[in-house]
Amino acid sequence: MKIGIDAMNIRRGGGVTHLVELLKAANPVTHGISEITVWTIPETASLLPERTWLKIVVNKLAHQSILGWLAWQRTFLSSELSREYDILFIPGGLYVGSFRPYVTMSRNLLPFDIKERRRFGWTSTRLRYHALEKAQAATFRRASGIIFLTREAQRVTEKRIGSVSSRKIVIPHGVSDTFRRKPREAREMSEITQSRPFRWLYVSIINWYKHQWNVAEAVARLKAEGYPIRLDLVGPAYGPALKHLRSILRKIDPKGETIYYHGSVPYEELDEYYRGADGFVFASTCETFGQILVEAMSAGLPIACSNQSAMPELLADAGLYFDPEKPGDIADVLKKYMDDVQLRRQAAIAAYERAQNFSWKICAERTFEYIASFSRKLNS
């Protein structure tokens, strides 16, 4: 059996992490798969592992524009697949070609969450999400199978566009061993001083649905109450949201002594920030999965978390929750952790143990078993 993977639109963030880790952990031969061919861009290709069963094809032209890529799907890719491949996997969720069968994946919830889309106002970004909703909905409906990352993502998507496939499955992502670390001893409050403040870490893109400014305001409130506290924000940024965050920071932390924005950090360097943190905060209101949340859990940190979207499904009872749109609620949860060292210890252990449920090996096993099942069904 030969499988093709169109990864031309897998270019950054969680999509690249998923593709790389999936192929690293895979043992496709056990599912009757003799070869996997991945069509991708040069940057992504350089990160993929070397395997005897893996063929990587770099296309330097099709990724120049989305229209060029879709035209390539309809012509060259469909023709190539029809000659020697049994099934196609579309992890990016968008396909307009004629080859069948194909399995796709839902990995972006923003196109299907109207409330979250509205946060972008009447902008080109919002219009892009609207167009993506239409295009991905069509891809999902034509697919032989679809992989969701959480039950919540499936619920939101199907509430918006209806049931997408008679054969669908929820397969969570895994977490890299790079981040796995047993919880270290939590610091007593007597050890937390103005020179060595309690360090909260928030890793994520600066964007409207991530609410970093609300976390910053919560931290500023605790600072005003006398708590030795610091917030480190790490991640790339959506321009308008970053402008808003900076305007808030100028008001609540004018000297830049409490809240630090470090910008985008290479994936392989994130572990240093987890090592230096006392706790992790995650205030998103829209997540298909929440890869960063699971990484923080596996790093053995106490988690203060948004009570919305897929987060309760991932974290379960291994952390404390807040309303991400209410700075006062966030501040109460951060304060509760800081005041209770035993609570921090228990939460860190619970989060670490909960993170053991997320494995790239299991993800790869279930993913390729699911994909291969469609070809076996056709050939039986």
Foldseek 3Di string as FASTA:
>chain_A
DEEEEECAVQDDDPSLVLVQLLQVLFDLVVQVYQAYEYEYAPVSVVRHDDDPRYHYHHDHQCNPDVVSVQVCLAPVVQVVCVPDNLEYEYAPQAHDHDDDAYEYEDFFQLLQDVVNLCLVPPDVVSVVSVVVLVRSLVSLQRHQEYEFQFPLSVVSNCVRNNDRYPHYYHFHAAADPLLADAADQADAQVVADLVRHAEEEEEDEQDRQFLVLLQVVLQLVVVVVPHNAAYEYEEAYDVVSVVVSVVSCCVSPVPPSHYYYPHYDPPSPVNVVLVSHQAYETQGAEGSHCRVLLSSLSNLWAYEYAPHGCVCVQCPPLHHYFHSVHSVRSNVRVVVCSNDSVNGNSSSNSSNVSSVVGHSNVSSVVVSSVRSVVSVVVVD
